[in-house]
Amino acid sequence: MTKNITLSADEKLIERARQRAALENRSLNDAFREWMEQWTCNIEPGARYEDLMSRLDKIDSGRKFSRDEMNER
């Protein structure tokens, strides 16, 4: 069952949130639901790490780095 709620926020903040959602090709509602789910769940640190790694997996540097490059400081 889905229930509607009403929230209040600064107009500029809402507009920026709508723009970001549009850039991510999703609705502000979807973004809010995702945030609410993450905020209310007691996710173990390991699960959060796995979630982050799966999201970062989509990032492509365009090339492979050498061992020396990866260990540079």
C-alpha atoms as a PDB file:
ATOM      1  CA  MET A   1       0.000   0.000   0.000  1.00  0.00           C
ATOM      2  CA  THR A   2       1.326   3.426  -0.917  1.00  0.00           C
ATOM      3  CA  LYS A   3       0.417   6.438   1.152  1.00  0.00           C
ATOM      4  CA  ASN A   4       0.834  10.094   0.221  1.00  0.00           C
ATOM      5  CA  ILE A   5       2.590  12.551   2.505  1.00  0.00           C
ATOM      6  CA  THR A   6       3.121  16.290   2.296  1.00  0.00           C
ATOM      7  CA  LEU A   7       6.531  17.818   2.897  1.00  0.00           C
ATOM      8  CA  SER A   8       7.714  21.407   3.091  1.00  0.00           C
ATOM      9  CA  ALA A   9      11.038  22.733   1.821  1.00  0.00           C
ATOM     10  CA  ASP A  10      12.578  25.865   0.376  1.00  0.00           C
ATOM     11  CA  GLU A  11      11.477  26.444  -3.238  1.00  0.00           C
ATOM     12  CA  LYS A  12      15.073  26.693  -4.475  1.00  0.00           C
ATOM     13  CA  LEU A  13      15.966  23.422  -2.776  1.00  0.00           C
ATOM     14  CA  ILE A  14      12.976  21.677  -4.351  1.00  0.00           C
ATOM     15  CA  GLU A  15      13.900  23.030  -7.783  1.00  0.00           C
ATOM     16  CA  ARG A  16      17.522  21.840  -7.437  1.00  0.00           C
ATOM     17  CA  ALA A  17      16.259  18.427  -6.319  1.00  0.00           C
ATOM     18  CA  ARG A  18      13.933  18.218  -9.333  1.00  0.00           C
ATOM     19  CA  GLN A  19      16.792  19.157 -11.658  1.00  0.00           C
ATOM     20  CA  ARG A  20      19.054  16.491 -10.181  1.00  0.00           C
ATOM     21  CA  ALA A  21      16.318  13.873 -10.429  1.00  0.00           C
ATOM     22  CA  ALA A  22      15.776  14.837 -14.073  1.00  0.00           C
ATOM     23  CA  LEU A  23      19.521  14.472 -14.757  1.00  0.00           C
ATOM     24  CA  GLU A  24      19.305  10.967 -13.280  1.00  0.00           C
ATOM     25  CA  ASN A  25      16.227  10.204 -15.408  1.00  0.00           C
ATOM     26  CA  ARG A  26      13.955   9.596 -12.450  1.00  0.00           C
ATOM     27  CA  SER A  27      11.273  11.378 -10.529  1.00  0.00           C
ATOM     28  CA  LEU A  28      11.733  13.294  -7.317  1.00  0.00           C
ATOM     29  CA  ASN A  29       9.285  10.816  -5.793  1.00  0.00           C
ATOM     30  CA  ASP A  30      11.552   7.903  -6.724  1.00  0.00           C
ATOM     31  CA  ALA A  31      14.593   9.673  -5.284  1.00  0.00           C
ATOM     32  CA  PHE A  32      12.739  10.400  -2.054  1.00  0.00           C
ATOM     33  CA  ARG A  33      11.523   6.812  -1.730  1.00  0.00           C
ATOM     34  CA  GLU A  34      15.071   5.536  -2.216  1.00  0.00           C
ATOM     35  CA  TRP A  35      16.401   7.959   0.395  1.00  0.00           C
ATOM     36  CA  MET A  36      13.646   7.013   2.857  1.00  0.00           C
ATOM     37  CA  GLU A  37      14.346   3.298   2.379  1.00  0.00           C
ATOM     38  CA  GLN A  38      18.072   3.771   3.007  1.00  0.00           C
ATOM     39  CA  TRP A  39      17.491   6.092   5.947  1.00  0.00           C
ATOM     40  CA  THR A  40      15.112   3.752   7.752  1.00  0.00           C
ATOM     41  CA  CYS A  41      16.979   0.484   7.192  1.00  0.00           C
ATOM     42  CA  ASN A  42      19.612  -0.756   9.563  1.00  0.00           C
ATOM     43  CA  ILE A  43      22.092  -1.752   6.911  1.00  0.00           C
ATOM     44  CA  GLU A  44      25.195  -3.497   8.130  1.00  0.00           C
ATOM     45  CA  PRO A  45      28.469  -1.730   7.244  1.00  0.00           C
ATOM     46  CA  GLY A  46      29.417  -4.627   4.968  1.00  0.00           C
ATOM     47  CA  ALA A  47      26.143  -4.344   3.051  1.00  0.00           C
ATOM     48  CA  ARG A  48      26.640  -0.595   2.645  1.00  0.00           C
ATOM     49  CA  TYR A  49      30.137  -1.262   1.316  1.00  0.00           C
ATOM     50  CA  GLU A  50      28.842  -3.821  -1.177  1.00  0.00           C
ATOM     51  CA  ASP A  51      26.114  -1.406  -2.301  1.00  0.00           C
ATOM     52  CA  LEU A  52      28.668   1.370  -2.817  1.00  0.00           C
ATOM     53  CA  MET A  53      31.023  -0.920  -4.736  1.00  0.00           C
ATOM     54  CA  SER A  54      28.215  -2.063  -7.033  1.00  0.00           C
ATOM     55  CA  ARG A  55      27.318   1.566  -7.791  1.00  0.00           C
ATOM     56  CA  LEU A  56      30.969   2.516  -8.369  1.00  0.00           C
ATOM     57  CA  ASP A  57      31.399  -0.453 -10.698  1.00  0.00           C
ATOM     58  CA  LYS A  58      29.678   1.615 -13.388  1.00  0.00           C
ATOM     59  CA  ILE A  59      32.515   4.178 -13.351  1.00  0.00           C
ATOM     60  CA  ASP A  60      35.020   3.651 -16.151  1.00  0.00           C
ATOM     61  CA  SER A  61      38.345   5.483 -16.229  1.00  0.00           C
ATOM     62  CA  GLY A  62      38.779   4.609 -19.885  1.00  0.00           C
ATOM     63  CA  ARG A  63      41.977   2.628 -19.296  1.00  0.00           C
ATOM     64  CA  LYS A  64      43.735   0.221 -16.953  1.00  0.00           C
ATOM     65  CA  PHE A  65      46.199   1.680 -14.464  1.00  0.00           C
ATOM     66  CA  SER A  66      49.605   0.139 -13.814  1.00  0.00           C
ATOM     67  CA  ARG A  67      50.492  -1.111 -10.371  1.00  0.00           C
ATOM     68  CA  ASP A  68      52.870   1.841  -9.908  1.00  0.00           C
ATOM     69  CA  GLU A  69      50.146   4.331 -10.884  1.00  0.00           C
ATOM     70  CA  MET A  70      47.682   2.803  -8.431  1.00  0.00           C
ATOM     71  CA  ASN A  71      50.238   3.003  -5.610  1.00  0.00           C
ATOM     72  CA  GLU A  72      51.388   6.586  -6.256  1.00  0.00           C
ATOM     73  CA  ARG A  73      50.822   9.025  -3.446  1.00  0.00           C
END
